[in-house]
C-alpha cells in the first residue's frame, strides 16, 4: 500500500528494533515521516541517542524529542529505583511504565494535528512482548477511537488513524522484515538497562526477546553486549 507523496505521518521512535522497523515500513509506503522520541525519565538514556540515529538513517523528515517527567511518579523499574528483573515472570512486570504508551500517543496525536498528518505509527507488538496492557490490539483500537472524538481534525471529518503494523508479528518476523527493509539493527538499543554507550546487559527480558528473535530468524545478532 502506497500513500500520496504529500502525505505526512508521525512515527514514535524509541531507539529500539521494533520502532525502527515501524519507521521503515511507514517510509516504504511513501509517507513523509516525522519521528517522535519521548524522554519520559527512563533510566536508560542511550535509547534516545539511538532514536536520533535511527530517524536520520531511515529518512525521517525530522526528529523531535519531547520531555515528560514520568520518573516523578515512579512505579516502574524503568523510571524508579526498582531492580530490573532477569525475567518478566507472571502477570504484568515491574518494567511496565504506567500510562507510558497512552502519553506518548497523546503527544504524537497533538503533533499530527499541527502537521496535518492523518496517521500515527507505533511499534507495539502483542505476540513477543512482556505482558504490557498498552501493547494490545484493544488498546490501539481504543486510542484510535479516542483520536477521532477528542481532536479538531477528527470532529471536522479528517479521520486520524493509529497504525501498529507489527502487532501480530513475532520477534523473528520483525527481524526478517527489518532485513528486507535494510534496517541496520546495530544502531538500535532494546535493553532495559543499557549503559551510556548503548551496550546491552544480555539478561533482562528485552535482551532475551531480542536475542531469541534473531536466533529464530537465523540472522546474526549485531547487539553490542557489555
N, C-alpha and C. Protein backbone atom coordinates (compact mmCIF):
# COMPACT_ATOMS: atom_id res chain seq x y z
N UNK A 1 0.84 -1.19 0.00
CA UNK A 1 0.00 0.00 0.00
C UNK A 1 0.88 1.25 0.00
N UNK A 2 0.65 2.13 -0.96
CA UNK A 2 1.40 3.38 -1.01
C UNK A 2 0.49 4.54 -0.69
N UNK A 3 1.07 5.67 -0.36
CA UNK A 3 0.31 6.84 0.04
C UNK A 3 0.64 8.00 -0.88
N UNK A 4 -0.16 9.05 -0.78
CA UNK A 4 0.10 10.26 -1.52
C UNK A 4 1.50 10.77 -1.18
N UNK A 5 2.24 11.28 -2.19
CA UNK A 5 3.60 11.77 -1.91
C UNK A 5 3.62 12.95 -0.95
N UNK A 6 2.48 13.58 -0.73
CA UNK A 6 2.40 14.71 0.19
C UNK A 6 1.86 14.32 1.56
N UNK A 7 1.58 13.01 1.74
CA UNK A 7 1.00 12.55 3.00
C UNK A 7 2.06 12.50 4.09
N UNK A 8 1.69 12.98 5.27
CA UNK A 8 2.61 13.00 6.39
C UNK A 8 2.14 12.03 7.47
N UNK A 9 3.08 11.56 8.27
CA UNK A 9 2.77 10.67 9.38
C UNK A 9 3.71 10.98 10.54
N UNK A 10 3.23 10.77 11.74
CA UNK A 10 4.06 10.85 12.93
C UNK A 10 4.39 9.42 13.35
N UNK A 11 5.67 9.15 13.56
CA UNK A 11 6.11 7.81 13.94
C UNK A 11 6.83 7.89 15.28
N UNK A 12 6.33 7.14 16.26
CA UNK A 12 7.02 7.07 17.55
C UNK A 12 8.28 6.23 17.39
N UNK A 13 9.41 6.82 17.69
CA UNK A 13 10.70 6.13 17.53
C UNK A 13 11.42 6.14 18.88
N UNK A 14 11.54 4.96 19.47
CA UNK A 14 12.12 4.84 20.80
C UNK A 14 13.63 4.62 20.77
N UNK A 15 14.13 4.13 19.63
CA UNK A 15 15.52 3.71 19.55
C UNK A 15 15.68 2.21 19.52
N UNK A 16 14.57 1.49 19.76
CA UNK A 16 14.59 0.04 19.74
C UNK A 16 14.34 -0.54 18.36
N UNK A 17 14.44 -1.85 18.24
CA UNK A 17 14.32 -2.51 16.94
C UNK A 17 12.91 -2.43 16.38
N UNK A 18 11.90 -2.52 17.23
CA UNK A 18 10.53 -2.52 16.74
C UNK A 18 10.16 -1.18 16.11
N UNK A 19 10.50 -0.09 16.78
CA UNK A 19 10.14 1.22 16.22
C UNK A 19 10.96 1.53 14.98
N UNK A 20 12.18 1.00 14.88
CA UNK A 20 12.99 1.20 13.67
C UNK A 20 12.31 0.54 12.47
N UNK A 21 11.84 -0.68 12.66
CA UNK A 21 11.15 -1.38 11.57
C UNK A 21 9.84 -0.68 11.24
N UNK A 22 9.16 -0.17 12.25
CA UNK A 22 7.91 0.57 12.01
C UNK A 22 8.17 1.81 11.16
N UNK A 23 9.23 2.55 11.47
CA UNK A 23 9.58 3.72 10.67
C UNK A 23 9.90 3.32 9.24
N UNK A 24 10.65 2.24 9.06
CA UNK A 24 11.00 1.78 7.72
C UNK A 24 9.75 1.38 6.93
N UNK A 25 8.78 0.76 7.59
CA UNK A 25 7.54 0.38 6.91
C UNK A 25 6.74 1.61 6.49
N UNK A 26 6.69 2.61 7.36
CA UNK A 26 5.97 3.84 7.02
C UNK A 26 6.64 4.56 5.85
N UNK A 27 7.97 4.56 5.84
CA UNK A 27 8.70 5.18 4.73
C UNK A 27 8.47 4.41 3.44
N UNK A 28 8.38 3.07 3.53
CA UNK A 28 8.14 2.26 2.34
C UNK A 28 6.82 2.63 1.68
N UNK A 29 5.88 3.06 2.47
CA UNK A 29 4.57 3.47 1.94
C UNK A 29 4.62 4.85 1.28
N UNK A 30 5.77 5.50 1.32
CA UNK A 30 5.90 6.80 0.69
C UNK A 30 5.50 7.96 1.56
N UNK A 31 5.32 7.72 2.85
CA UNK A 31 4.92 8.78 3.77
C UNK A 31 6.11 9.66 4.16
N UNK A 32 5.85 10.94 4.33
CA UNK A 32 6.84 11.84 4.91
C UNK A 32 6.75 11.67 6.42
N UNK A 33 7.76 11.05 7.01
CA UNK A 33 7.68 10.62 8.41
C UNK A 33 8.36 11.61 9.35
N UNK A 34 7.63 11.99 10.37
CA UNK A 34 8.14 12.86 11.42
C UNK A 34 8.35 11.98 12.65
N UNK A 35 9.60 11.76 12.99
CA UNK A 35 9.94 10.86 14.09
C UNK A 35 9.82 11.57 15.43
N UNK A 36 9.15 10.92 16.36
CA UNK A 36 8.93 11.49 17.69
C UNK A 36 9.54 10.59 18.76
N UNK A 37 10.47 11.14 19.52
CA UNK A 37 11.02 10.45 20.67
C UNK A 37 10.52 11.10 21.94
N UNK A 38 10.42 10.33 23.00
CA UNK A 38 9.95 10.86 24.28
C UNK A 38 10.94 10.50 25.38
N UNK A 39 11.51 11.52 25.98
CA UNK A 39 12.34 11.35 27.17
C UNK A 39 11.39 11.41 28.35
N UNK A 40 11.00 10.23 28.84
CA UNK A 40 9.99 10.18 29.89
C UNK A 40 10.62 9.99 31.29
N UNK A 41 11.93 10.16 31.35
CA UNK A 41 12.62 9.97 32.62
C UNK A 41 13.16 8.56 32.78
N UNK A 42 13.29 7.85 31.66
CA UNK A 42 13.82 6.49 31.70
C UNK A 42 15.26 6.49 32.18
N UNK A 43 15.63 5.43 32.87
CA UNK A 43 16.97 5.32 33.42
C UNK A 43 18.00 5.03 32.33
N UNK A 44 17.58 4.45 31.22
CA UNK A 44 18.50 4.09 30.13
C UNK A 44 18.37 5.13 29.01
N UNK A 45 19.18 6.17 29.08
CA UNK A 45 19.08 7.27 28.13
C UNK A 45 19.74 6.98 26.78
N UNK A 46 20.52 5.91 26.69
CA UNK A 46 21.20 5.63 25.42
C UNK A 46 20.21 5.32 24.30
N UNK A 47 18.99 4.92 24.66
CA UNK A 47 17.99 4.66 23.62
C UNK A 47 17.57 5.95 22.91
N UNK A 48 17.67 7.08 23.60
CA UNK A 48 17.31 8.36 22.98
C UNK A 48 18.31 8.74 21.90
N UNK A 49 19.59 8.48 22.15
CA UNK A 49 20.62 8.71 21.13
C UNK A 49 20.40 7.75 19.96
N UNK A 50 20.01 6.51 20.26
CA UNK A 50 19.74 5.54 19.21
C UNK A 50 18.57 6.00 18.35
N UNK A 51 17.56 6.60 18.97
CA UNK A 51 16.40 7.08 18.22
C UNK A 51 16.80 8.15 17.20
N UNK A 52 17.71 9.03 17.60
CA UNK A 52 18.19 10.05 16.66
C UNK A 52 18.90 9.40 15.47
N UNK A 53 19.73 8.41 15.76
CA UNK A 53 20.46 7.72 14.69
C UNK A 53 19.49 7.02 13.73
N UNK A 54 18.52 6.34 14.31
CA UNK A 54 17.55 5.59 13.51
C UNK A 54 16.74 6.54 12.62
N UNK A 55 16.28 7.65 13.20
CA UNK A 55 15.47 8.61 12.44
C UNK A 55 16.25 9.16 11.25
N UNK A 56 17.52 9.48 11.47
CA UNK A 56 18.36 10.02 10.39
C UNK A 56 18.63 8.95 9.33
N UNK A 57 18.97 7.75 9.77
CA UNK A 57 19.35 6.70 8.83
C UNK A 57 18.18 6.23 7.97
N UNK A 58 16.97 6.27 8.54
CA UNK A 58 15.81 5.74 7.82
C UNK A 58 14.98 6.83 7.16
N UNK A 59 15.55 8.02 7.04
CA UNK A 59 14.94 9.03 6.19
C UNK A 59 13.78 9.80 6.76
N UNK A 60 13.72 9.95 8.07
CA UNK A 60 12.66 10.79 8.66
C UNK A 60 12.86 12.24 8.23
N UNK A 61 11.76 12.94 8.03
CA UNK A 61 11.82 14.35 7.67
C UNK A 61 12.47 15.16 8.78
N UNK A 62 12.15 14.77 10.01
CA UNK A 62 12.71 15.43 11.19
C UNK A 62 12.58 14.50 12.38
N UNK A 63 13.31 14.84 13.43
CA UNK A 63 13.22 14.08 14.68
C UNK A 63 12.99 15.06 15.81
N UNK A 64 11.90 14.87 16.53
CA UNK A 64 11.58 15.75 17.65
C UNK A 64 11.66 14.95 18.95
N UNK A 65 12.25 15.54 19.98
CA UNK A 65 12.32 14.91 21.31
C UNK A 65 11.49 15.75 22.28
N UNK A 66 10.53 15.11 22.91
CA UNK A 66 9.67 15.77 23.90
C UNK A 66 9.96 15.17 25.27
N UNK A 67 10.03 16.01 26.27
CA UNK A 67 10.34 15.54 27.63
C UNK A 67 9.08 15.53 28.50
N UNK A 68 8.86 14.39 29.16
CA UNK A 68 7.75 14.21 30.10
C UNK A 68 8.32 13.50 31.32
N UNK A 69 8.14 14.05 32.49
CA UNK A 69 8.79 13.51 33.69
C UNK A 69 7.94 12.44 34.36
N UNK A 70 8.01 11.22 33.84
CA UNK A 70 7.31 10.11 34.48
C UNK A 70 8.10 9.55 35.66
N UNK A 71 9.38 9.92 35.75
CA UNK A 71 10.17 9.48 36.90
C UNK A 71 9.61 10.09 38.18
N UNK A 72 8.98 11.24 38.08
CA UNK A 72 8.45 11.90 39.28
C UNK A 72 7.30 11.12 39.91
N UNK A 73 6.62 10.28 39.12
CA UNK A 73 5.56 9.44 39.71
C UNK A 73 6.02 8.01 39.94
N UNK A 74 7.11 7.61 39.27
CA UNK A 74 7.71 6.29 39.53
C UNK A 74 6.78 5.15 39.16
N UNK A 75 6.90 4.06 39.93
CA UNK A 75 6.04 2.91 39.73
C UNK A 75 6.53 1.91 38.70
N UNK A 76 7.76 2.09 38.19
CA UNK A 76 8.29 1.18 37.19
C UNK A 76 9.79 1.01 37.39
N UNK A 77 10.29 -0.17 37.05
CA UNK A 77 11.74 -0.40 37.13
C UNK A 77 12.49 0.42 36.09
N UNK A 78 11.79 0.97 35.11
CA UNK A 78 12.46 1.79 34.09
C UNK A 78 12.55 3.25 34.49
N UNK A 79 11.79 3.66 35.50
CA UNK A 79 11.80 5.07 35.92
C UNK A 79 12.07 5.26 37.41
N UNK A 80 12.03 4.20 38.16
CA UNK A 80 12.14 4.29 39.62
C UNK A 80 13.32 3.44 40.10
N UNK A 81 13.61 3.54 41.39
CA UNK A 81 14.72 2.77 41.96
C UNK A 81 14.26 1.36 42.30
N UNK A 82 13.90 0.64 41.25
CA UNK A 82 13.42 -0.74 41.36
C UNK A 82 14.31 -1.59 40.45
N UNK A 83 14.77 -2.71 40.95
CA UNK A 83 15.65 -3.56 40.15
C UNK A 83 14.93 -4.12 38.93
N UNK A 84 15.63 -4.13 37.80
CA UNK A 84 15.10 -4.76 36.58
C UNK A 84 15.29 -6.26 36.72
N UNK A 85 14.22 -7.04 36.63
CA UNK A 85 14.36 -8.50 36.79
C UNK A 85 14.99 -9.14 35.56
N UNK A 86 15.58 -10.31 35.76
CA UNK A 86 16.17 -11.04 34.65
C UNK A 86 15.09 -11.61 33.73
N UNK A 87 13.91 -11.91 34.31
CA UNK A 87 12.80 -12.42 33.51
C UNK A 87 11.53 -11.73 33.97
N UNK A 88 10.57 -11.63 33.03
CA UNK A 88 9.34 -10.91 33.33
C UNK A 88 8.50 -11.54 34.43
N UNK A 89 8.46 -12.88 34.48
CA UNK A 89 7.66 -13.56 35.49
C UNK A 89 6.19 -13.56 35.14
N UNK A 90 5.35 -13.84 36.12
CA UNK A 90 3.91 -13.90 35.91
C UNK A 90 3.28 -12.51 36.01
N UNK A 91 2.20 -12.31 35.25
CA UNK A 91 1.47 -11.06 35.33
C UNK A 91 2.21 -9.91 34.66
N UNK A 92 1.75 -8.70 34.95
CA UNK A 92 2.36 -7.50 34.37
C UNK A 92 3.65 -7.21 35.11
N UNK A 93 4.77 -7.13 34.40
CA UNK A 93 6.08 -7.00 35.06
C UNK A 93 6.35 -5.60 35.59
N UNK A 94 7.35 -5.48 36.45
CA UNK A 94 7.69 -4.18 37.04
C UNK A 94 8.31 -3.24 36.04
N UNK A 95 8.63 -3.73 34.82
CA UNK A 95 9.15 -2.85 33.77
C UNK A 95 8.03 -2.13 33.03
N UNK A 96 6.79 -2.46 33.34
CA UNK A 96 5.66 -1.70 32.77
C UNK A 96 5.70 -0.28 33.34
N UNK A 97 5.61 0.72 32.45
CA UNK A 97 5.61 2.13 32.86
C UNK A 97 4.18 2.63 32.82
N UNK A 98 3.58 2.99 33.97
CA UNK A 98 2.19 3.41 33.99
C UNK A 98 1.88 4.51 32.98
N UNK A 99 0.93 4.23 32.11
CA UNK A 99 0.37 5.18 31.13
C UNK A 99 1.37 5.63 30.06
N UNK A 100 2.52 4.99 29.94
CA UNK A 100 3.55 5.47 29.01
C UNK A 100 3.05 5.55 27.57
N UNK A 101 2.50 4.47 27.06
CA UNK A 101 2.09 4.48 25.66
C UNK A 101 0.91 5.42 25.41
N UNK A 102 0.05 5.56 26.42
CA UNK A 102 -1.07 6.50 26.29
C UNK A 102 -0.54 7.92 26.18
N UNK A 103 0.44 8.25 27.01
CA UNK A 103 1.02 9.59 26.98
C UNK A 103 1.77 9.83 25.68
N UNK A 104 2.56 8.86 25.25
CA UNK A 104 3.32 9.01 24.02
C UNK A 104 2.40 9.20 22.81
N UNK A 105 1.37 8.39 22.73
CA UNK A 105 0.44 8.52 21.61
C UNK A 105 -0.33 9.83 21.67
N UNK A 106 -0.59 10.32 22.87
CA UNK A 106 -1.28 11.60 23.00
C UNK A 106 -0.42 12.74 22.46
N UNK A 107 0.88 12.70 22.77
CA UNK A 107 1.80 13.72 22.24
C UNK A 107 1.87 13.59 20.71
N UNK A 108 1.96 12.36 20.23
CA UNK A 108 2.00 12.13 18.78
C UNK A 108 0.72 12.64 18.12
N UNK A 109 -0.41 12.46 18.79
CA UNK A 109 -1.68 12.92 18.26
C UNK A 109 -1.71 14.44 18.13
N UNK A 110 -1.22 15.12 19.16
CA UNK A 110 -1.17 16.58 19.10
C UNK A 110 -0.28 17.08 17.98
N UNK A 111 0.88 16.44 17.82
CA UNK A 111 1.80 16.86 16.75
C UNK A 111 1.21 16.56 15.38
N UNK A 112 0.52 15.42 15.27
CA UNK A 112 -0.11 15.07 14.00
C UNK A 112 -1.14 16.13 13.59
N UNK A 113 -1.90 16.62 14.55
CA UNK A 113 -2.87 17.68 14.24
C UNK A 113 -2.17 18.93 13.72
N UNK A 114 -1.08 19.31 14.37
CA UNK A 114 -0.35 20.50 13.97
C UNK A 114 0.22 20.33 12.55
N UNK A 115 0.71 19.14 12.25
CA UNK A 115 1.33 18.87 10.95
C UNK A 115 0.31 18.63 9.84
N UNK A 116 -0.93 18.33 10.24
CA UNK A 116 -1.91 17.92 9.25
C UNK A 116 -1.72 16.46 8.85
N UNK A 117 -1.01 15.70 9.68
CA UNK A 117 -0.81 14.27 9.42
C UNK A 117 -2.05 13.49 9.81
N UNK A 118 -2.35 12.46 9.06
CA UNK A 118 -3.55 11.66 9.34
C UNK A 118 -3.23 10.30 9.92
N UNK A 119 -1.95 9.95 9.99
CA UNK A 119 -1.58 8.64 10.52
C UNK A 119 -0.49 8.77 11.57
N UNK A 120 -0.64 7.96 12.60
CA UNK A 120 0.34 7.86 13.68
C UNK A 120 0.78 6.40 13.74
N UNK A 121 2.09 6.18 13.72
CA UNK A 121 2.62 4.82 13.75
C UNK A 121 3.33 4.55 15.08
N UNK A 122 3.11 3.36 15.62
CA UNK A 122 3.85 2.95 16.81
C UNK A 122 4.20 1.47 16.67
N UNK A 123 5.25 1.05 17.36
CA UNK A 123 5.78 -0.29 17.18
C UNK A 123 5.33 -1.31 18.21
N UNK A 124 4.14 -1.12 18.80
CA UNK A 124 3.68 -2.08 19.81
C UNK A 124 3.44 -3.43 19.17
N UNK A 125 3.57 -4.46 19.99
CA UNK A 125 3.53 -5.83 19.50
C UNK A 125 2.89 -6.73 20.54
N UNK A 126 1.90 -7.51 20.14
CA UNK A 126 1.16 -8.33 21.09
C UNK A 126 1.57 -9.80 21.09
N UNK A 127 2.56 -10.17 20.27
CA UNK A 127 2.97 -11.58 20.20
C UNK A 127 4.17 -11.83 21.13
N UNK A 128 5.32 -11.27 20.76
CA UNK A 128 6.51 -11.38 21.61
C UNK A 128 6.63 -10.10 22.42
N UNK A 129 5.95 -10.03 23.53
CA UNK A 129 6.01 -8.82 24.36
C UNK A 129 6.02 -9.24 25.82
N UNK A 130 6.13 -8.29 26.71
CA UNK A 130 6.37 -8.62 28.11
C UNK A 130 5.12 -8.55 28.99
N UNK A 131 3.95 -8.58 28.40
CA UNK A 131 2.73 -8.57 29.19
C UNK A 131 2.17 -7.19 29.46
N UNK A 132 2.57 -6.20 28.68
CA UNK A 132 2.11 -4.82 28.91
C UNK A 132 0.69 -4.64 28.37
N UNK A 133 -0.22 -4.08 29.16
CA UNK A 133 -1.59 -3.90 28.69
C UNK A 133 -1.71 -2.90 27.54
N UNK A 134 -0.75 -1.97 27.43
CA UNK A 134 -0.83 -0.96 26.37
C UNK A 134 -0.06 -1.38 25.11
N UNK A 135 0.11 -2.69 24.93
CA UNK A 135 0.70 -3.23 23.70
C UNK A 135 -0.27 -4.20 23.03
N UNK A 136 -1.56 -4.07 23.33
CA UNK A 136 -2.57 -5.00 22.82
C UNK A 136 -3.44 -4.34 21.76
N UNK A 137 -4.05 -5.13 20.88
CA UNK A 137 -4.96 -4.58 19.87
C UNK A 137 -6.09 -3.75 20.48
N UNK A 138 -6.60 -4.18 21.64
CA UNK A 138 -7.71 -3.45 22.26
C UNK A 138 -7.30 -2.03 22.63
N UNK A 139 -6.05 -1.85 23.07
CA UNK A 139 -5.57 -0.52 23.42
C UNK A 139 -5.47 0.36 22.18
N UNK A 140 -4.89 -0.16 21.10
CA UNK A 140 -4.74 0.62 19.87
C UNK A 140 -6.11 1.00 19.31
N UNK A 141 -7.05 0.06 19.32
CA UNK A 141 -8.40 0.35 18.82
C UNK A 141 -9.06 1.44 19.66
N UNK A 142 -8.88 1.36 20.98
CA UNK A 142 -9.48 2.36 21.87
C UNK A 142 -8.86 3.74 21.64
N UNK A 143 -7.54 3.79 21.45
CA UNK A 143 -6.90 5.09 21.23
C UNK A 143 -7.28 5.65 19.87
N UNK A 144 -7.41 4.79 18.89
CA UNK A 144 -7.85 5.22 17.56
C UNK A 144 -9.22 5.89 17.65
N UNK A 145 -10.12 5.26 18.41
CA UNK A 145 -11.46 5.84 18.58
C UNK A 145 -11.38 7.18 19.31
N UNK A 146 -10.55 7.25 20.35
CA UNK A 146 -10.37 8.49 21.10
C UNK A 146 -9.85 9.60 20.20
N UNK A 147 -8.89 9.27 19.34
CA UNK A 147 -8.27 10.28 18.47
C UNK A 147 -9.29 10.98 17.60
N UNK A 148 -10.36 10.28 17.26
CA UNK A 148 -11.34 10.84 16.34
C UNK A 148 -12.52 11.52 17.02
N UNK A 149 -12.55 11.47 18.35
CA UNK A 149 -13.59 12.23 19.08
C UNK A 149 -12.98 13.34 19.92
N UNK A 150 -11.66 13.33 20.09
CA UNK A 150 -11.01 14.28 21.01
C UNK A 150 -10.24 15.37 20.28
N UNK A 151 -10.30 15.40 18.96
CA UNK A 151 -9.48 16.35 18.21
C UNK A 151 -10.34 17.19 17.26
N UNK A 152 -9.84 18.35 16.96
CA UNK A 152 -10.48 19.23 15.97
C UNK A 152 -10.54 18.53 14.61
N UNK A 153 -9.41 17.90 14.24
CA UNK A 153 -9.35 17.21 12.95
C UNK A 153 -10.41 16.12 12.87
N UNK A 154 -10.50 15.30 13.92
CA UNK A 154 -11.46 14.21 13.91
C UNK A 154 -12.90 14.70 13.85
N UNK A 155 -13.22 15.72 14.63
CA UNK A 155 -14.58 16.25 14.67
C UNK A 155 -14.97 16.88 13.34
N UNK A 156 -13.99 17.46 12.64
CA UNK A 156 -14.27 18.11 11.36
C UNK A 156 -14.21 17.13 10.19
N UNK A 157 -14.03 15.83 10.48
CA UNK A 157 -14.12 14.82 9.44
C UNK A 157 -12.81 14.37 8.82
N UNK A 158 -11.70 14.91 9.28
CA UNK A 158 -10.39 14.48 8.78
C UNK A 158 -9.92 13.32 9.64
N UNK A 159 -10.32 12.12 9.29
CA UNK A 159 -10.09 10.96 10.15
C UNK A 159 -8.61 10.72 10.42
N UNK A 160 -8.31 10.47 11.69
CA UNK A 160 -6.96 10.12 12.12
C UNK A 160 -6.90 8.62 12.36
N UNK A 161 -5.76 8.02 12.07
CA UNK A 161 -5.62 6.57 12.20
C UNK A 161 -4.34 6.21 12.94
N UNK A 162 -4.47 5.32 13.91
CA UNK A 162 -3.31 4.84 14.65
C UNK A 162 -2.90 3.49 14.07
N UNK A 163 -1.69 3.42 13.56
CA UNK A 163 -1.19 2.22 12.89
C UNK A 163 -0.19 1.48 13.78
N UNK A 164 -0.39 0.18 13.92
CA UNK A 164 0.54 -0.67 14.68
C UNK A 164 0.89 -1.87 13.80
N UNK A 165 1.74 -1.66 12.78
CA UNK A 165 1.98 -2.70 11.77
C UNK A 165 2.68 -3.95 12.27
N UNK A 166 3.27 -3.89 13.45
CA UNK A 166 3.98 -5.06 13.98
C UNK A 166 3.13 -5.87 14.95
N UNK A 167 1.89 -5.46 15.16
CA UNK A 167 1.07 -6.02 16.23
C UNK A 167 1.04 -7.54 16.25
N UNK A 168 0.90 -8.17 15.10
CA UNK A 168 0.74 -9.62 15.06
C UNK A 168 2.03 -10.36 14.68
N UNK A 169 3.14 -9.65 14.64
CA UNK A 169 4.41 -10.28 14.26
C UNK A 169 5.15 -10.84 15.47
N UNK A 170 5.87 -11.94 15.25
CA UNK A 170 6.80 -12.43 16.25
C UNK A 170 8.08 -11.61 16.14
N UNK A 171 8.97 -11.72 17.12
CA UNK A 171 10.24 -11.01 17.04
C UNK A 171 11.05 -11.49 15.83
N UNK A 172 10.95 -12.77 15.51
CA UNK A 172 11.65 -13.29 14.33
C UNK A 172 11.09 -12.65 13.06
N UNK A 173 9.76 -12.50 12.99
CA UNK A 173 9.13 -11.84 11.84
C UNK A 173 9.63 -10.40 11.71
N UNK A 174 9.75 -9.72 12.84
CA UNK A 174 10.20 -8.33 12.84
C UNK A 174 11.65 -8.23 12.35
N UNK A 175 12.49 -9.17 12.79
CA UNK A 175 13.88 -9.20 12.32
C UNK A 175 13.91 -9.39 10.81
N UNK A 176 13.16 -10.36 10.31
CA UNK A 176 13.15 -10.63 8.86
C UNK A 176 12.65 -9.42 8.08
N UNK A 177 11.61 -8.77 8.59
CA UNK A 177 11.08 -7.60 7.91
C UNK A 177 12.10 -6.47 7.91
N UNK A 178 12.81 -6.31 9.01
CA UNK A 178 13.85 -5.29 9.08
C UNK A 178 14.97 -5.56 8.09
N UNK A 179 15.36 -6.81 7.96
CA UNK A 179 16.40 -7.17 6.99
C UNK A 179 15.92 -6.85 5.58
N UNK A 180 14.67 -7.18 5.28
CA UNK A 180 14.11 -6.88 3.95
C UNK A 180 14.14 -5.39 3.65
N UNK A 181 13.89 -4.58 4.68
CA UNK A 181 13.81 -3.13 4.52
C UNK A 181 15.16 -2.44 4.65
N UNK A 182 16.21 -3.22 4.95
CA UNK A 182 17.53 -2.63 5.06
C UNK A 182 17.80 -1.92 6.37
N UNK A 183 17.09 -2.29 7.43
CA UNK A 183 17.31 -1.68 8.75
C UNK A 183 18.62 -2.18 9.34
N UNK A 184 19.45 -1.26 9.80
CA UNK A 184 20.70 -1.63 10.47
C UNK A 184 20.40 -1.76 11.96
N UNK A 185 20.19 -2.99 12.40
CA UNK A 185 19.81 -3.23 13.79
C UNK A 185 20.92 -2.89 14.77
N UNK A 186 22.14 -2.76 14.29
CA UNK A 186 23.24 -2.42 15.20
C UNK A 186 23.08 -1.01 15.77
N UNK A 187 22.27 -0.19 15.13
CA UNK A 187 22.02 1.18 15.61
C UNK A 187 21.03 1.21 16.77
N UNK A 188 20.27 0.15 16.93
CA UNK A 188 19.15 0.17 17.87
C UNK A 188 19.56 -0.32 19.26
N UNK A 189 18.81 0.12 20.25
CA UNK A 189 19.03 -0.26 21.65
C UNK A 189 17.71 -0.73 22.24
N UNK A 190 17.67 -1.98 22.70
CA UNK A 190 16.45 -2.55 23.26
C UNK A 190 16.53 -2.79 24.76
N UNK A 191 17.72 -2.92 25.28
CA UNK A 191 17.94 -3.33 26.67
C UNK A 191 17.31 -2.37 27.68
N UNK A 192 16.70 -2.94 28.72
CA UNK A 192 16.08 -2.14 29.78
C UNK A 192 17.10 -1.43 30.65
N UNK A 193 18.34 -1.88 30.61
CA UNK A 193 19.37 -1.25 31.44
C UNK A 193 20.68 -1.13 30.67
N UNK A 194 20.55 -0.64 29.44
CA UNK A 194 21.75 -0.41 28.61
C UNK A 194 22.62 0.65 29.26
N UNK A 195 23.94 0.54 29.05
CA UNK A 195 24.83 1.54 29.62
C UNK A 195 24.84 2.80 28.73
N UNK A 196 25.65 3.77 29.11
CA UNK A 196 25.66 5.05 28.39
C UNK A 196 26.11 4.92 26.95
N UNK A 197 26.80 3.84 26.62
CA UNK A 197 27.25 3.60 25.26
C UNK A 197 26.28 2.72 24.47
N UNK A 198 25.15 2.38 25.10
CA UNK A 198 24.15 1.56 24.42
C UNK A 198 24.41 0.08 24.46
N UNK A 199 25.38 -0.35 25.27
CA UNK A 199 25.68 -1.78 25.35
C UNK A 199 24.67 -2.47 26.25
N UNK A 200 24.20 -3.64 25.82
CA UNK A 200 23.12 -4.34 26.49
C UNK A 200 23.62 -5.24 27.62
N UNK A 201 22.70 -5.54 28.55
CA UNK A 201 23.07 -6.36 29.71
C UNK A 201 23.08 -7.85 29.40
N UNK A 202 22.30 -8.26 28.40
CA UNK A 202 22.20 -9.65 27.91
C UNK A 202 21.25 -10.53 28.71
N UNK A 203 20.71 -10.06 29.84
CA UNK A 203 19.89 -10.96 30.64
C UNK A 203 18.51 -10.42 31.03
N UNK A 204 18.18 -9.18 30.72
CA UNK A 204 16.83 -8.68 31.02
C UNK A 204 15.85 -9.25 30.00
N UNK A 205 14.55 -9.05 30.25
CA UNK A 205 13.52 -9.61 29.38
C UNK A 205 13.64 -9.07 27.95
N UNK A 206 13.94 -7.78 27.81
CA UNK A 206 14.06 -7.19 26.47
C UNK A 206 15.23 -7.80 25.71
N UNK A 207 16.34 -8.02 26.39
CA UNK A 207 17.50 -8.65 25.75
C UNK A 207 17.18 -10.08 25.34
N UNK A 208 16.47 -10.79 26.21
CA UNK A 208 16.14 -12.19 25.91
C UNK A 208 15.24 -12.28 24.67
N UNK A 209 14.20 -11.44 24.63
CA UNK A 209 13.29 -11.46 23.49
C UNK A 209 14.00 -11.09 22.19
N UNK A 210 14.87 -10.10 22.28
CA UNK A 210 15.62 -9.65 21.10
C UNK A 210 16.54 -10.77 20.59
N UNK A 211 17.32 -11.37 21.49
CA UNK A 211 18.24 -12.44 21.10
C UNK A 211 17.49 -13.63 20.53
N UNK A 212 16.36 -13.99 21.14
CA UNK A 212 15.55 -15.11 20.65
C UNK A 212 15.03 -14.82 19.24
N UNK A 213 14.68 -13.55 18.98
CA UNK A 213 14.18 -13.17 17.67
C UNK A 213 15.21 -13.34 16.58
N UNK A 214 16.43 -12.88 16.84
CA UNK A 214 17.50 -13.04 15.85
C UNK A 214 17.82 -14.51 15.64
N UNK A 215 17.83 -15.27 16.74
CA UNK A 215 18.14 -16.70 16.64
C UNK A 215 17.08 -17.42 15.80
N UNK A 216 15.81 -17.14 16.08
CA UNK A 216 14.72 -17.80 15.36
C UNK A 216 14.68 -17.40 13.89
N UNK A 217 15.10 -16.18 13.60
CA UNK A 217 15.11 -15.70 12.22
C UNK A 217 16.33 -16.19 11.44
N UNK A 218 17.30 -16.74 12.15
CA UNK A 218 18.52 -17.19 11.50
C UNK A 218 19.39 -16.04 11.02
N UNK A 219 19.33 -14.92 11.76
CA UNK A 219 20.08 -13.72 11.41
C UNK A 219 21.09 -13.43 12.51
N UNK A 220 22.31 -13.07 12.13
CA UNK A 220 23.33 -12.76 13.12
C UNK A 220 22.89 -11.58 13.98
N UNK A 221 23.06 -11.70 15.27
CA UNK A 221 22.66 -10.67 16.22
C UNK A 221 23.76 -9.61 16.32
N UNK A 222 23.48 -8.35 15.91
CA UNK A 222 24.50 -7.31 15.94
C UNK A 222 24.55 -6.55 17.26
N UNK A 223 23.78 -7.00 18.25
CA UNK A 223 23.71 -6.30 19.53
C UNK A 223 25.07 -6.26 20.21
N UNK A 224 25.41 -5.09 20.74
CA UNK A 224 26.66 -4.95 21.49
C UNK A 224 26.35 -5.20 22.97
N UNK A 225 27.01 -6.17 23.55
CA UNK A 225 26.81 -6.50 24.95
C UNK A 225 28.00 -6.05 25.78
N UNK A 226 27.73 -5.68 27.01
CA UNK A 226 28.83 -5.29 27.87
C UNK A 226 29.31 -6.48 28.68
